[in-house]
Amino acid sequence: MLRLAADDDDPIRALRATAAASTELERQQSALVRRARVRGATWTQIAGALGVSKQAVHKKYGGRRLGRP
């Protein structure tokens, strides 16, 4: 989908398509982080999988309730 969007002759339509794809990827990533935490993954493990620092991943996702009591 992204490749098709980038090849679109209309840059506005292409931007809308890439923005929608980005939003969907962010939603999926958030759900996967939540699932990983519920299953016991550490912030360090999640950060490694995402290729970012532990601090960055904790800042982005750490304040959210992750299905834990």
Protein backbone atom coordinates (compact mmCIF):
# COMPACT_ATOMS: atom_id res chain seq x y z
CA MET A 1 0.00 0.00 0.00
CA LEU A 2 2.75 2.46 0.85
CA ARG A 3 4.56 1.79 -2.40
CA LEU A 4 1.39 2.46 -4.36
CA ALA A 5 0.78 5.62 -2.37
CA ALA A 6 4.31 6.88 -3.03
CA ASP A 7 3.87 6.23 -6.76
CA ASP A 8 0.56 8.12 -6.87
CA ASP A 9 0.63 11.10 -9.24
CA ASP A 10 -1.43 13.15 -6.75
CA PRO A 11 0.84 14.04 -3.83
CA ILE A 12 -2.09 15.00 -1.58
CA ARG A 13 -3.77 11.64 -2.13
CA ALA A 14 -0.41 9.94 -1.51
CA LEU A 15 0.08 11.89 1.73
CA ARG A 16 -3.38 10.87 2.94
CA ALA A 17 -2.64 7.23 2.16
CA THR A 18 0.70 7.28 3.97
CA ALA A 19 -0.84 9.08 6.97
CA ALA A 20 -3.55 6.41 7.19
CA ALA A 21 -0.92 3.65 6.96
CA SER A 22 1.17 5.33 9.65
CA THR A 23 -1.84 5.57 11.96
CA GLU A 24 -2.63 1.88 11.46
CA LEU A 25 1.00 0.85 12.10
CA GLU A 26 1.06 2.91 15.31
CA ARG A 27 -2.16 1.23 16.47
CA GLN A 28 -0.71 -2.21 15.78
CA GLN A 29 2.57 -1.38 17.50
CA SER A 30 0.74 -0.12 20.58
CA ALA A 31 -1.33 -3.31 20.75
CA LEU A 32 1.80 -5.46 20.41
CA VAL A 33 3.61 -3.55 23.15
CA ARG A 34 0.60 -4.02 25.41
CA ARG A 35 0.48 -7.75 24.60
CA ALA A 36 4.21 -8.13 25.21
CA ARG A 37 3.97 -6.43 28.61
CA VAL A 38 0.97 -8.54 29.65
CA ARG A 39 3.00 -11.64 28.74
CA GLY A 40 5.89 -10.47 30.90
CA ALA A 41 8.27 -8.82 28.44
CA THR A 42 10.52 -6.16 29.91
CA TRP A 43 10.82 -2.63 28.61
CA THR A 44 14.38 -3.51 27.61
CA GLN A 45 13.20 -6.43 25.48
CA ILE A 46 10.51 -4.33 23.83
CA ALA A 47 12.96 -1.49 23.18
CA GLY A 48 15.39 -3.93 21.57
CA ALA A 49 12.68 -5.28 19.29
CA LEU A 50 11.77 -1.75 18.22
CA GLY A 51 15.36 -0.56 17.86
CA VAL A 52 14.99 2.28 20.34
CA SER A 53 16.17 2.98 23.87
CA LYS A 54 14.38 1.63 26.92
CA GLN A 55 13.71 5.22 27.95
CA ALA A 56 12.10 6.05 24.60
CA VAL A 57 9.78 3.05 24.64
CA HIS A 58 8.84 3.58 28.28
CA LYS A 59 8.14 7.26 27.66
CA LYS A 60 5.91 6.44 24.69
CA TYR A 61 4.03 3.47 26.18
CA GLY A 62 4.83 3.36 29.89
CA GLY A 63 2.15 5.75 31.08
CA ARG A 64 -0.65 3.69 29.59
CA ARG A 65 -2.56 1.06 31.49
CA LEU A 66 -1.51 -2.22 29.93
CA GLY A 67 -4.25 -4.50 31.16
CA ARG A 68 -2.60 -5.04 34.52
CA PRO A 69 -4.46 -4.47 37.79
